[in-house]
Amino acid sequence: MTEVRVPVQVAALRGGGSKLREATVLEFAGTQHAIFLSRLPLEFDDHVRVERDPRGASMADATVVAVQYHEGRKAVAVKFTQGLCDWMIQP
């Protein structure tokens, strides 16, 4: 993975009509994985949608593969479910 600093919107994909969403920054990304800080109540194996473009042109669904808590902050690692996602590492 590469350090990227890409602003995105992350939405938790849950049933029941709940719309948990936040603006954050991808800290590291590759074509299959990304890491970002989050305040959402995400845990291992949760599903999320990551959007770079608010019009939906650059978006990807992903599964949470790791959560790390440190000094009151939470880092979330995700794996993209559709395979390669190269828009994450493009300027």
PDB file of N, CA and C in Angstrom:
ATOM      1  N   MET A   1       0.841  -1.181   0.000  1.00  0.00           N
ATOM      2  CA  MET A   1       0.000   0.000   0.000  1.00  0.00           C
ATOM      3  C   MET A   1       0.884   1.241   0.000  1.00  0.00           C
ATOM      4  N   THR A   2       0.302   2.323  -0.461  1.00  0.00           N
ATOM      5  CA  THR A   2       0.994   3.593  -0.589  1.00  0.00           C
ATOM      6  C   THR A   2       0.288   4.651   0.251  1.00  0.00           C
ATOM      7  N   GLU A   3       1.053   5.573   0.816  1.00  0.00           N
ATOM      8  CA  GLU A   3       0.439   6.707   1.513  1.00  0.00           C
ATOM      9  C   GLU A   3      -0.234   7.586   0.464  1.00  0.00           C
ATOM     10  N   VAL A   4      -1.531   7.894   0.656  1.00  0.00           N
ATOM     11  CA  VAL A   4      -2.271   8.593  -0.397  1.00  0.00           C
ATOM     12  C   VAL A   4      -2.955   9.889   0.026  1.00  0.00           C
ATOM     13  N   ARG A   5      -3.534   9.965   1.230  1.00  0.00           N
ATOM     14  CA  ARG A   5      -4.266  11.157   1.702  1.00  0.00           C
ATOM     15  C   ARG A   5      -5.382  11.561   0.724  1.00  0.00           C
ATOM     16  N   VAL A   6      -6.307  10.646   0.453  1.00  0.00           N
ATOM     17  CA  VAL A   6      -7.427  10.880  -0.470  1.00  0.00           C
ATOM     18  C   VAL A   6      -8.699  11.123   0.336  1.00  0.00           C
ATOM     19  N   PRO A   7      -9.348  12.298   0.183  1.00  0.00           N
ATOM     20  CA  PRO A   7     -10.611  12.540   0.893  1.00  0.00           C
ATOM     21  C   PRO A   7     -11.729  11.681   0.303  1.00  0.00           C
ATOM     22  N   VAL A   8     -12.504  11.049   1.184  1.00  0.00           N
ATOM     23  CA  VAL A   8     -13.593  10.166   0.754  1.00  0.00           C
ATOM     24  C   VAL A   8     -14.774  10.289   1.705  1.00  0.00           C
ATOM     25  N   GLN A   9     -15.885   9.732   1.293  1.00  0.00           N
ATOM     26  CA  GLN A   9     -17.056   9.516   2.140  1.00  0.00           C
ATOM     27  C   GLN A   9     -17.144   8.008   2.363  1.00  0.00           C
ATOM     28  N   VAL A  10     -17.365   7.605   3.604  1.00  0.00           N
ATOM     29  CA  VAL A  10     -17.516   6.187   3.924  1.00  0.00           C
ATOM     30  C   VAL A  10     -18.904   5.990   4.509  1.00  0.00           C
ATOM     31  N   ALA A  11     -19.624   5.006   3.977  1.00  0.00           N
ATOM     32  CA  ALA A  11     -20.965   4.695   4.467  1.00  0.00           C
ATOM     33  C   ALA A  11     -21.001   3.236   4.905  1.00  0.00           C
ATOM     34  N   ALA A  12     -21.540   2.989   6.091  1.00  0.00           N
ATOM     35  CA  ALA A  12     -21.746   1.623   6.558  1.00  0.00           C
ATOM     36  C   ALA A  12     -22.950   1.052   5.821  1.00  0.00           C
ATOM     37  N   LEU A  13     -22.802  -0.127   5.257  1.00  0.00           N
ATOM     38  CA  LEU A  13     -23.888  -0.773   4.518  1.00  0.00           C
ATOM     39  C   LEU A  13     -24.572  -1.764   5.449  1.00  0.00           C
ATOM     40  N   ARG A  14     -25.642  -1.285   6.055  1.00  0.00           N
ATOM     41  CA  ARG A  14     -26.385  -2.105   7.014  1.00  0.00           C
ATOM     42  C   ARG A  14     -27.855  -2.106   6.647  1.00  0.00           C
ATOM     43  N   GLY A  15     -28.531  -3.153   7.042  1.00  0.00           N
ATOM     44  CA  GLY A  15     -29.964  -3.232   6.817  1.00  0.00           C
ATOM     45  C   GLY A  15     -30.705  -2.334   7.782  1.00  0.00           C
ATOM     46  N   GLY A  16     -31.996  -2.275   7.631  1.00  0.00           N
ATOM     47  CA  GLY A  16     -32.819  -1.495   8.543  1.00  0.00           C
ATOM     48  C   GLY A  16     -32.903  -0.024   8.197  1.00  0.00           C
ATOM     49  N   GLY A  17     -32.356   0.379   7.072  1.00  0.00           N
ATOM     50  CA  GLY A  17     -32.481   1.768   6.644  1.00  0.00           C
ATOM     51  C   GLY A  17     -31.582   2.751   7.366  1.00  0.00           C
ATOM     52  N   SER A  18     -30.670   2.272   8.229  1.00  0.00           N
ATOM     53  CA  SER A  18     -29.783   3.213   8.910  1.00  0.00           C
ATOM     54  C   SER A  18     -28.752   3.750   7.930  1.00  0.00           C
ATOM     55  N   LYS A  19     -28.458   5.035   8.043  1.00  0.00           N
ATOM     56  CA  LYS A  19     -27.547   5.696   7.112  1.00  0.00           C
ATOM     57  C   LYS A  19     -26.358   6.245   7.882  1.00  0.00           C
ATOM     58  N   LEU A  20     -25.448   5.369   8.275  1.00  0.00           N
ATOM     59  CA  LEU A  20     -24.244   5.796   8.966  1.00  0.00           C
ATOM     60  C   LEU A  20     -23.203   6.180   7.927  1.00  0.00           C
ATOM     61  N   ARG A  21     -22.746   7.441   7.983  1.00  0.00           N
ATOM     62  CA  ARG A  21     -21.869   7.969   6.945  1.00  0.00           C
ATOM     63  C   ARG A  21     -20.942   8.999   7.558  1.00  0.00           C
ATOM     64  N   GLU A  22     -19.720   9.110   7.009  1.00  0.00           N
ATOM     65  CA  GLU A  22     -18.803  10.138   7.479  1.00  0.00           C
ATOM     66  C   GLU A  22     -17.813  10.510   6.382  1.00  0.00           C
ATOM     67  N   ALA A  23     -17.289  11.715   6.489  1.00  0.00           N
ATOM     68  CA  ALA A  23     -16.188  12.156   5.639  1.00  0.00           C
ATOM     69  C   ALA A  23     -14.894  11.808   6.370  1.00  0.00           C
ATOM     70  N   THR A  24     -13.952  11.235   5.637  1.00  0.00           N
ATOM     71  CA  THR A  24     -12.655  10.898   6.216  1.00  0.00           C
ATOM     72  C   THR A  24     -11.603  10.955   5.119  1.00  0.00           C
ATOM     73  N   VAL A  25     -10.416  10.511   5.426  1.00  0.00           N
ATOM     74  CA  VAL A  25      -9.315  10.540   4.465  1.00  0.00           C
ATOM     75  C   VAL A  25      -8.679   9.161   4.426  1.00  0.00           C
ATOM     76  N   LEU A  26      -8.518   8.617   3.216  1.00  0.00           N
ATOM     77  CA  LEU A  26      -7.758   7.376   3.092  1.00  0.00           C
ATOM     78  C   LEU A  26      -6.309   7.724   3.392  1.00  0.00           C
ATOM     79  N   GLU A  27      -5.741   7.064   4.376  1.00  0.00           N
ATOM     80  CA  GLU A  27      -4.350   7.314   4.744  1.00  0.00           C
ATOM     81  C   GLU A  27      -3.401   6.496   3.876  1.00  0.00           C
ATOM     82  N   PHE A  28      -3.773   5.241   3.638  1.00  0.00           N
ATOM     83  CA  PHE A  28      -2.985   4.334   2.805  1.00  0.00           C
ATOM     84  C   PHE A  28      -3.947   3.575   1.910  1.00  0.00           C
ATOM     85  N   ALA A  29      -3.525   3.276   0.683  1.00  0.00           N
ATOM     86  CA  ALA A  29      -4.390   2.523  -0.226  1.00  0.00           C
ATOM     87  C   ALA A  29      -3.548   1.786  -1.248  1.00  0.00           C
ATOM     88  N   GLY A  30      -4.147   0.743  -1.752  1.00  0.00           N
ATOM     89  CA  GLY A  30      -3.591  -0.030  -2.845  1.00  0.00           C
ATOM     90  C   GLY A  30      -4.743  -0.401  -3.749  1.00  0.00           C
ATOM     91  N   THR A  31      -4.508  -1.278  -4.676  1.00  0.00           N
ATOM     92  CA  THR A  31      -5.579  -1.641  -5.608  1.00  0.00           C
ATOM     93  C   THR A  31      -6.604  -2.577  -4.986  1.00  0.00           C
ATOM     94  N   GLN A  32      -6.277  -3.194  -3.821  1.00  0.00           N
ATOM     95  CA  GLN A  32      -7.209  -4.127  -3.187  1.00  0.00           C
ATOM     96  C   GLN A  32      -7.577  -3.757  -1.750  1.00  0.00           C
ATOM     97  N   HIS A  33      -6.814  -2.856  -1.114  1.00  0.00           N
ATOM     98  CA  HIS A  33      -7.026  -2.523   0.292  1.00  0.00           C
ATOM     99  C   HIS A  33      -6.901  -1.031   0.530  1.00  0.00           C
ATOM    100  N   ALA A  34      -7.462  -0.570   1.646  1.00  0.00           N
ATOM    101  CA  ALA A  34      -7.290   0.823   2.069  1.00  0.00           C
ATOM    102  C   ALA A  34      -7.353   0.882   3.594  1.00  0.00           C
ATOM    103  N   ILE A  35      -6.742   1.934   4.165  1.00  0.00           N
ATOM    104  CA  ILE A  35      -6.774   2.180   5.605  1.00  0.00           C
ATOM    105  C   ILE A  35      -7.193   3.621   5.830  1.00  0.00           C
ATOM    106  N   PHE A  36      -8.133   3.828   6.763  1.00  0.00           N
ATOM    107  CA  PHE A  36      -8.602   5.175   7.093  1.00  0.00           C
ATOM    108  C   PHE A  36      -8.972   5.237   8.568  1.00  0.00           C
ATOM    109  N   LEU A  37      -8.993   6.444   9.126  1.00  0.00           N
ATOM    110  CA  LEU A  37      -9.477   6.663  10.482  1.00  0.00           C
ATOM    111  C   LEU A  37     -10.984   6.805  10.424  1.00  0.00           C
ATOM    112  N   SER A  38     -11.676   6.298  11.447  1.00  0.00           N
ATOM    113  CA  SER A  38     -13.135   6.342  11.415  1.00  0.00           C
ATOM    114  C   SER A  38     -13.713   6.516  12.812  1.00  0.00           C
ATOM    115  N   ARG A  39     -14.869   7.178  12.858  1.00  0.00           N
ATOM    116  CA  ARG A  39     -15.661   7.281  14.084  1.00  0.00           C
ATOM    117  C   ARG A  39     -16.926   6.418  13.983  1.00  0.00           C
ATOM    118  N   LEU A  40     -17.138   5.803  12.835  1.00  0.00           N
ATOM    119  CA  LEU A  40     -18.308   4.940  12.662  1.00  0.00           C
ATOM    120  C   LEU A  40     -18.160   3.690  13.524  1.00  0.00           C
ATOM    121  N   PRO A  41     -19.263   3.095  13.947  1.00  0.00           N
ATOM    122  CA  PRO A  41     -19.199   1.873  14.762  1.00  0.00           C
ATOM    123  C   PRO A  41     -18.928   0.643  13.885  1.00  0.00           C
ATOM    124  N   LEU A  42     -17.745   0.592  13.281  1.00  0.00           N
ATOM    125  CA  LEU A  42     -17.388  -0.501  12.384  1.00  0.00           C
ATOM    126  C   LEU A  42     -16.607  -1.568  13.133  1.00  0.00           C
ATOM    127  N   GLU A  43     -16.862  -2.807  12.748  1.00  0.00           N
ATOM    128  CA  GLU A  43     -16.163  -3.947  13.316  1.00  0.00           C
ATOM    129  C   GLU A  43     -15.774  -4.897  12.186  1.00  0.00           C
ATOM    130  N   PHE A  44     -14.986  -5.898  12.521  1.00  0.00           N
ATOM    131  CA  PHE A  44     -14.530  -6.889  11.554  1.00  0.00           C
ATOM    132  C   PHE A  44     -15.707  -7.484  10.786  1.00  0.00           C
ATOM    133  N   ASP A  45     -15.559  -7.586   9.482  1.00  0.00           N
ATOM    134  CA  ASP A  45     -16.524  -8.191   8.559  1.00  0.00           C
ATOM    135  C   ASP A  45     -17.723  -7.299   8.241  1.00  0.00           C
ATOM    136  N   ASP A  46     -17.756  -6.059   8.735  1.00  0.00           N
ATOM    137  CA  ASP A  46     -18.796  -5.110   8.313  1.00  0.00           C
ATOM    138  C   ASP A  46     -18.557  -4.729   6.856  1.00  0.00           C
ATOM    139  N   HIS A  47     -19.620  -4.289   6.192  1.00  0.00           N
ATOM    140  CA  HIS A  47     -19.523  -3.867   4.795  1.00  0.00           C
ATOM    141  C   HIS A  47     -19.682  -2.355   4.713  1.00  0.00           C
ATOM    142  N   VAL A  48     -18.853  -1.727   3.868  1.00  0.00           N
ATOM    143  CA  VAL A  48     -18.879  -0.273   3.703  1.00  0.00           C
ATOM    144  C   VAL A  48     -18.818   0.082   2.225  1.00  0.00           C
ATOM    145  N   ARG A  49     -19.206   1.299   1.926  1.00  0.00           N
ATOM    146  CA  ARG A  49     -19.032   1.863   0.591  1.00  0.00           C
ATOM    147  C   ARG A  49     -18.106   3.064   0.736  1.00  0.00           C
ATOM    148  N   VAL A  50     -17.058   3.108  -0.082  1.00  0.00           N
ATOM    149  CA  VAL A  50     -16.086   4.197  -0.080  1.00  0.00           C
ATOM    150  C   VAL A  50     -16.281   4.984  -1.370  1.00  0.00           C
ATOM    151  N   GLU A  51     -16.529   6.305  -1.239  1.00  0.00           N
ATOM    152  CA  GLU A  51     -16.781   7.146  -2.411  1.00  0.00           C
ATOM    153  C   GLU A  51     -15.800   8.307  -2.446  1.00  0.00           C
ATOM    154  N   ARG A  52     -15.117   8.453  -3.552  1.00  0.00           N
ATOM    155  CA  ARG A  52     -14.226   9.592  -3.746  1.00  0.00           C
ATOM    156  C   ARG A  52     -14.977  10.740  -4.398  1.00  0.00           C
ATOM    157  N   ASP A  53     -15.888  10.403  -5.286  1.00  0.00           N
ATOM    158  CA  ASP A  53     -16.656  11.381  -6.051  1.00  0.00           C
ATOM    159  C   ASP A  53     -18.089  11.380  -5.534  1.00  0.00           C
ATOM    160  N   PRO A  54     -18.603  12.530  -5.073  1.00  0.00           N
ATOM    161  CA  PRO A  54     -19.970  12.549  -4.539  1.00  0.00           C
ATOM    162  C   PRO A  54     -21.038  12.163  -5.558  1.00  0.00           C
ATOM    163  N   ARG A  55     -20.720  12.196  -6.843  1.00  0.00           N
ATOM    164  CA  ARG A  55     -21.680  11.796  -7.880  1.00  0.00           C
ATOM    165  C   ARG A  55     -21.689  10.283  -8.086  1.00  0.00           C
ATOM    166  N   GLY A  56     -20.805   9.553  -7.357  1.00  0.00           N
ATOM    167  CA  GLY A  56     -20.797   8.105  -7.442  1.00  0.00           C
ATOM    168  C   GLY A  56     -19.928   7.526  -8.540  1.00  0.00           C
ATOM    169  N   ALA A  57     -19.178   8.376  -9.259  1.00  0.00           N
ATOM    170  CA  ALA A  57     -18.345   7.873 -10.351  1.00  0.00           C
ATOM    171  C   ALA A  57     -17.178   7.036  -9.837  1.00  0.00           C
ATOM    172  N   SER A  58     -16.632   7.393  -8.696  1.00  0.00           N
ATOM    173  CA  SER A  58     -15.514   6.655  -8.116  1.00  0.00           C
ATOM    174  C   SER A  58     -15.940   6.132  -6.757  1.00  0.00           C
ATOM    175  N   MET A  59     -16.450   4.919  -6.760  1.00  0.00           N
ATOM    176  CA  MET A  59     -16.877   4.318  -5.502  1.00  0.00           C
ATOM    177  C   MET A  59     -16.567   2.836  -5.519  1.00  0.00           C
ATOM    178  N   ALA A  60     -16.462   2.267  -4.320  1.00  0.00           N
ATOM    179  CA  ALA A  60     -16.171   0.850  -4.209  1.00  0.00           C
ATOM    180  C   ALA A  60     -16.775   0.313  -2.917  1.00  0.00           C
ATOM    181  N   ASP A  61     -17.313  -0.886  -2.985  1.00  0.00           N
ATOM    182  CA  ASP A  61     -17.777  -1.571  -1.784  1.00  0.00           C
ATOM    183  C   ASP A  61     -16.605  -2.362  -1.220  1.00  0.00           C
ATOM    184  N   ALA A  62     -16.578  -2.481   0.103  1.00  0.00           N
ATOM    185  CA  ALA A  62     -15.461  -3.151   0.754  1.00  0.00           C
ATOM    186  C   ALA A  62     -15.938  -3.843   2.022  1.00  0.00           C
ATOM    187  N   THR A  63     -15.103  -4.738   2.519  1.00  0.00           N
ATOM    188  CA  THR A  63     -15.348  -5.456   3.768  1.00  0.00           C
ATOM    189  C   THR A  63     -14.250  -5.092   4.752  1.00  0.00           C
ATOM    190  N   VAL A  64     -14.633  -4.822   5.987  1.00  0.00           N
ATOM    191  CA  VAL A  64     -13.657  -4.499   7.033  1.00  0.00           C
ATOM    192  C   VAL A  64     -12.870  -5.768   7.361  1.00  0.00           C
ATOM    193  N   VAL A  65     -11.536  -5.676   7.246  1.00  0.00           N
ATOM    194  CA  VAL A  65     -10.683  -6.835   7.530  1.00  0.00           C
ATOM    195  C   VAL A  65      -9.865  -6.651   8.805  1.00  0.00           C
ATOM    196  N   ALA A  66      -9.803  -5.417   9.334  1.00  0.00           N
ATOM    197  CA  ALA A  66      -9.084  -5.180  10.596  1.00  0.00           C
ATOM    198  C   ALA A  66      -9.524  -3.852  11.185  1.00  0.00           C
ATOM    199  N   VAL A  67      -9.518  -3.791  12.520  1.00  0.00           N
ATOM    200  CA  VAL A  67      -9.821  -2.560  13.251  1.00  0.00           C
ATOM    201  C   VAL A  67      -8.770  -2.442  14.354  1.00  0.00           C
ATOM    202  N   GLN A  68      -8.121  -1.286  14.433  1.00  0.00           N
ATOM    203  CA  GLN A  68      -7.089  -1.060  15.449  1.00  0.00           C
ATOM    204  C   GLN A  68      -7.457   0.167  16.267  1.00  0.00           C
ATOM    205  N   TYR A  69      -7.576   0.001  17.567  1.00  0.00           N
ATOM    206  CA  TYR A  69      -7.862   1.110  18.469  1.00  0.00           C
ATOM    207  C   TYR A  69      -6.555   1.556  19.113  1.00  0.00           C
ATOM    208  N   HIS A  70      -6.315   2.882  19.142  1.00  0.00           N
ATOM    209  CA  HIS A  70      -5.090   3.403  19.750  1.00  0.00           C
ATOM    210  C   HIS A  70      -5.318   4.828  20.217  1.00  0.00           C
ATOM    211  N   GLU A  71      -5.180   5.047  21.508  1.00  0.00           N
ATOM    212  CA  GLU A  71      -5.285   6.381  22.102  1.00  0.00           C
ATOM    213  C   GLU A  71      -6.556   7.118  21.673  1.00  0.00           C
ATOM    214  N   GLY A  72      -7.681   6.424  21.751  1.00  0.00           N
ATOM    215  CA  GLY A  72      -8.965   7.039  21.450  1.00  0.00           C
ATOM    216  C   GLY A  72      -9.292   7.176  19.972  1.00  0.00           C
ATOM    217  N   ARG A  73      -8.446   6.660  19.104  1.00  0.00           N
ATOM    218  CA  ARG A  73      -8.701   6.717  17.662  1.00  0.00           C
ATOM    219  C   ARG A  73      -8.857   5.301  17.126  1.00  0.00           C
ATOM    220  N   LYS A  74      -9.508   5.184  15.979  1.00  0.00           N
ATOM    221  CA  LYS A  74      -9.742   3.868  15.394  1.00  0.00           C
ATOM    222  C   LYS A  74      -9.319   3.886  13.927  1.00  0.00           C
ATOM    223  N   ALA A  75      -8.393   3.000  13.574  1.00  0.00           N
ATOM    224  CA  ALA A  75      -7.996   2.808  12.184  1.00  0.00           C
ATOM    225  C   ALA A  75      -8.727   1.586  11.653  1.00  0.00           C
ATOM    226  N   VAL A  76      -9.234   1.715  10.431  1.00  0.00           N
ATOM    227  CA  VAL A  76      -9.995   0.635   9.812  1.00  0.00           C
ATOM    228  C   VAL A  76      -9.311   0.237   8.511  1.00  0.00           C
ATOM    229  N   ALA A  77      -9.081  -1.060   8.337  1.00  0.00           N
ATOM    230  CA  ALA A  77      -8.544  -1.581   7.084  1.00  0.00           C
ATOM    231  C   ALA A  77      -9.660  -2.321   6.363  1.00  0.00           C
ATOM    232  N   VAL A  78      -9.788  -2.053   5.065  1.00  0.00           N
ATOM    233  CA  VAL A  78     -10.828  -2.701   4.271  1.00  0.00           C
ATOM    234  C   VAL A  78     -10.223  -3.379   3.046  1.00  0.00           C
ATOM    235  N   LYS A  79     -10.936  -4.385   2.556  1.00  0.00           N
ATOM    236  CA  LYS A  79     -10.579  -5.055   1.308  1.00  0.00           C
ATOM    237  C   LYS A  79     -11.735  -4.852   0.342  1.00  0.00           C
ATOM    238  N   PHE A  80     -11.419  -4.388  -0.871  1.00  0.00           N
ATOM    239  CA  PHE A  80     -12.454  -4.114  -1.863  1.00  0.00           C
ATOM    240  C   PHE A  80     -13.056  -5.409  -2.375  1.00  0.00           C
ATOM    241  N   THR A  81     -14.381  -5.460  -2.440  1.00  0.00           N
ATOM    242  CA  THR A  81     -15.071  -6.697  -2.792  1.00  0.00           C
ATOM    243  C   THR A  81     -15.111  -6.948  -4.294  1.00  0.00           C
ATOM    244  N   GLN A  82     -14.956  -5.910  -5.115  1.00  0.00           N
ATOM    245  CA  GLN A  82     -15.009  -6.097  -6.569  1.00  0.00           C
ATOM    246  C   GLN A  82     -13.635  -6.368  -7.163  1.00  0.00           C
ATOM    247  N   GLY A  83     -12.631  -6.596  -6.337  1.00  0.00           N
ATOM    248  CA  GLY A  83     -11.284  -6.833  -6.859  1.00  0.00           C
ATOM    249  C   GLY A  83     -10.496  -5.546  -6.928  1.00  0.00           C
ATOM    250  N   LEU A  84      -9.762  -5.360  -8.000  1.00  0.00           N
ATOM    251  CA  LEU A  84      -8.873  -4.209  -8.141  1.00  0.00           C
ATOM    252  C   LEU A  84      -9.647  -2.898  -8.171  1.00  0.00           C
ATOM    253  N   CYS A  85      -9.132  -1.923  -7.454  1.00  0.00           N
ATOM    254  CA  CYS A  85      -9.754  -0.607  -7.375  1.00  0.00           C
ATOM    255  C   CYS A  85      -8.654   0.452  -7.486  1.00  0.00           C
ATOM    256  N   ASP A  86      -8.218   0.732  -8.712  1.00  0.00           N
ATOM    257  CA  ASP A  86      -7.052   1.587  -8.907  1.00  0.00           C
ATOM    258  C   ASP A  86      -7.323   3.084  -8.735  1.00  0.00           C
ATOM    259  N   TRP A  87      -8.585   3.527  -8.695  1.00  0.00           N
ATOM    260  CA  TRP A  87      -8.829   4.964  -8.537  1.00  0.00           C
ATOM    261  C   TRP A  87      -8.384   5.469  -7.166  1.00  0.00           C
ATOM    262  N   MET A  88      -8.212   4.579  -6.212  1.00  0.00           N
ATOM    263  CA  MET A  88      -7.778   4.973  -4.870  1.00  0.00           C
ATOM    264  C   MET A  88      -6.362   5.547  -4.870  1.00  0.00           C
ATOM    265  N   ILE A  89      -5.523   5.087  -5.785  1.00  0.00           N
ATOM    266  CA  ILE A  89      -4.125   5.513  -5.763  1.00  0.00           C
ATOM    267  C   ILE A  89      -3.798   6.509  -6.870  1.00  0.00           C
ATOM    268  N   GLN A  90      -4.798   6.944  -7.617  1.00  0.00           N
ATOM    269  CA  GLN A  90      -4.582   7.951  -8.655  1.00  0.00           C
ATOM    270  C   GLN A  90      -4.723   9.338  -8.043  1.00  0.00           C
ATOM    271  N   PRO A  91      -3.914  10.292  -8.521  1.00  0.00           N
ATOM    272  CA  PRO A  91      -4.010  11.660  -7.964  1.00  0.00           C
ATOM    273  C   PRO A  91      -5.327  12.325  -8.272  1.00  0.00           C
TER     274      PRO A  91
END
